[in-house]
C-alpha atoms as a PDB file:
ATOM      1  CA  MET A   1     -22.592  13.751 -57.417  1.00  0.00           C
ATOM      2  CA  ARG A   2     -25.279  16.386 -58.194  1.00  0.00           C
ATOM      3  CA  GLY A   3     -25.584  18.465 -61.273  1.00  0.00           C
ATOM      4  CA  PHE A   4     -23.608  18.525 -64.418  1.00  0.00           C
ATOM      5  CA  VAL A   5     -20.578  16.948 -64.408  1.00  0.00           C
ATOM      6  CA  VAL A   6     -18.076  17.014 -67.261  1.00  0.00           C
ATOM      7  CA  LEU A   7     -16.689  13.771 -68.487  1.00  0.00           C
ATOM      8  CA  PRO A   8     -12.891  13.423 -69.799  1.00  0.00           C
ATOM      9  CA  LYS A   9     -12.567  13.479 -73.120  1.00  0.00           C
ATOM     10  CA  TRP A  10     -16.451  13.053 -73.991  1.00  0.00           C
ATOM     11  CA  TRP A  11     -16.346  16.014 -76.367  1.00  0.00           C
ATOM     12  CA  ILE A  12     -14.282  14.256 -78.641  1.00  0.00           C
ATOM     13  CA  ILE A  13     -16.637  11.401 -79.278  1.00  0.00           C
ATOM     14  CA  GLU A  14     -19.745  13.925 -79.593  1.00  0.00           C
ATOM     15  CA  ARG A  15     -17.732  16.089 -82.246  1.00  0.00           C
ATOM     16  CA  PHE A  16     -16.841  12.715 -84.140  1.00  0.00           C
ATOM     17  CA  VAL A  17     -20.637  11.762 -84.074  1.00  0.00           C
ATOM     18  CA  ALA A  18     -21.649  15.070 -85.038  1.00  0.00           C
ATOM     19  CA  HIS A  19     -19.399  15.032 -88.086  1.00  0.00           C
ATOM     20  CA  LEU A  20     -21.127  11.842 -88.735  1.00  0.00           C
ATOM     21  CA  MET A  21     -24.454  13.065 -88.536  1.00  0.00           C
ATOM     22  CA  ARG A  22     -23.994  15.917 -91.201  1.00  0.00           C
ATOM     23  CA  THR A  23     -23.988  13.229 -93.721  1.00  0.00           C
ATOM     24  CA  ARG A  24     -27.622  12.759 -93.582  1.00  0.00           C
ATOM     25  CA  ARG A  25     -27.308   8.932 -94.840  1.00  0.00           C
ATOM     26  CA  LEU A  26     -25.611   8.054 -91.638  1.00  0.00           C
ATOM     27  CA  ALA A  27     -28.372   9.681 -89.585  1.00  0.00           C
ATOM     28  CA  ARG A  28     -30.411   6.723 -90.196  1.00  0.00           C
ATOM     29  CA  ASP A  29     -29.366   2.840 -90.643  1.00  0.00           C
ATOM     30  CA  TYR A  30     -30.286   2.751 -94.302  1.00  0.00           C
ATOM     31  CA  GLU A  31     -27.567   0.240 -95.360  1.00  0.00           C
ATOM     32  CA  ARG A  32     -27.839  -3.531 -95.242  1.00  0.00           C
ATOM     33  CA  ARG A  33     -24.545  -4.693 -94.737  1.00  0.00           C
ATOM     34  CA  THR A  34     -22.057  -3.238 -92.874  1.00  0.00           C
ATOM     35  CA  ALA A  35     -19.319  -3.034 -95.184  1.00  0.00           C
ATOM     36  CA  SER A  36     -21.463  -0.498 -96.854  1.00  0.00           C
ATOM     37  CA  ALA A  37     -22.027   1.420 -93.487  1.00  0.00           C
ATOM     38  CA  GLU A  38     -18.179   1.479 -92.724  1.00  0.00           C
ATOM     39  CA  ALA A  39     -17.541   2.651 -96.276  1.00  0.00           C
ATOM     40  CA  MET A  40     -20.082   5.490 -95.737  1.00  0.00           C
ATOM     41  CA  GLY A  41     -18.157   6.438 -92.422  1.00  0.00           C
ATOM     42  CA  TYR A  42     -14.879   6.552 -94.178  1.00  0.00           C
ATOM     43  CA  TRP A  43     -16.469   8.713 -96.923  1.00  0.00           C
ATOM     44  CA  SER A  44     -17.470  11.155 -94.140  1.00  0.00           C
ATOM     45  CA  MET A  45     -14.501  11.574 -92.723  1.00  0.00           C
ATOM     46  CA  THR A  46     -12.554  11.903 -95.890  1.00  0.00           C
ATOM     47  CA  LEU A  47     -15.026  14.747 -97.017  1.00  0.00           C
ATOM     48  CA  LEU A  48     -14.273  16.494 -93.481  1.00  0.00           C
ATOM     49  CA  MET A  49     -10.244  16.029 -93.787  1.00  0.00           C
ATOM     50  CA  THR A  50     -10.472  17.295 -97.552  1.00  0.00           C
ATOM     51  CA  ARG A  51     -12.648  20.396 -96.385  1.00  0.00           C
ATOM     52  CA  ARG A  52     -10.012  21.089 -93.386  1.00  0.00           C
ATOM     53  CA  LEU A  53      -6.931  20.896 -95.809  1.00  0.00           C
ATOM     54  CA  ALA A  54      -8.383  22.942 -98.320  1.00  0.00           C
ATOM     55  CA  ARG A  55      -9.193  25.664 -95.999  1.00  0.00           C
ATOM     56  CA  SER A  56      -6.599  28.444 -96.798  1.00  0.00           C
ATOM     57  CA  HIS A  57      -4.263  29.023 -93.573  1.00  0.00           C
ATOM     58  CA  PRO A  58      -2.456  32.237 -92.696  1.00  0.00           C
ATOM     59  CA  GLN A  59       0.991  32.268 -93.075  1.00  0.00           C
ATOM     60  CA  ARG A  60       3.176  31.801 -89.716  1.00  0.00           C
ATOM     61  CA  ALA A  61       6.229  33.760 -89.359  1.00  0.00           C
END
């Protein structure tokens, strides 16, 4: 193969990692324990979900 080839479903992983990197603490490995790093991942995804739920959606007919 030559050139750019789109991998199937790869964009989902890239989008997930981008959301994690938006919380700057997760950009580097600052945590000593894996449990605290996992908790920061949950915190980051909780922020993302609450922002999505708080957005106003237009009423559907």
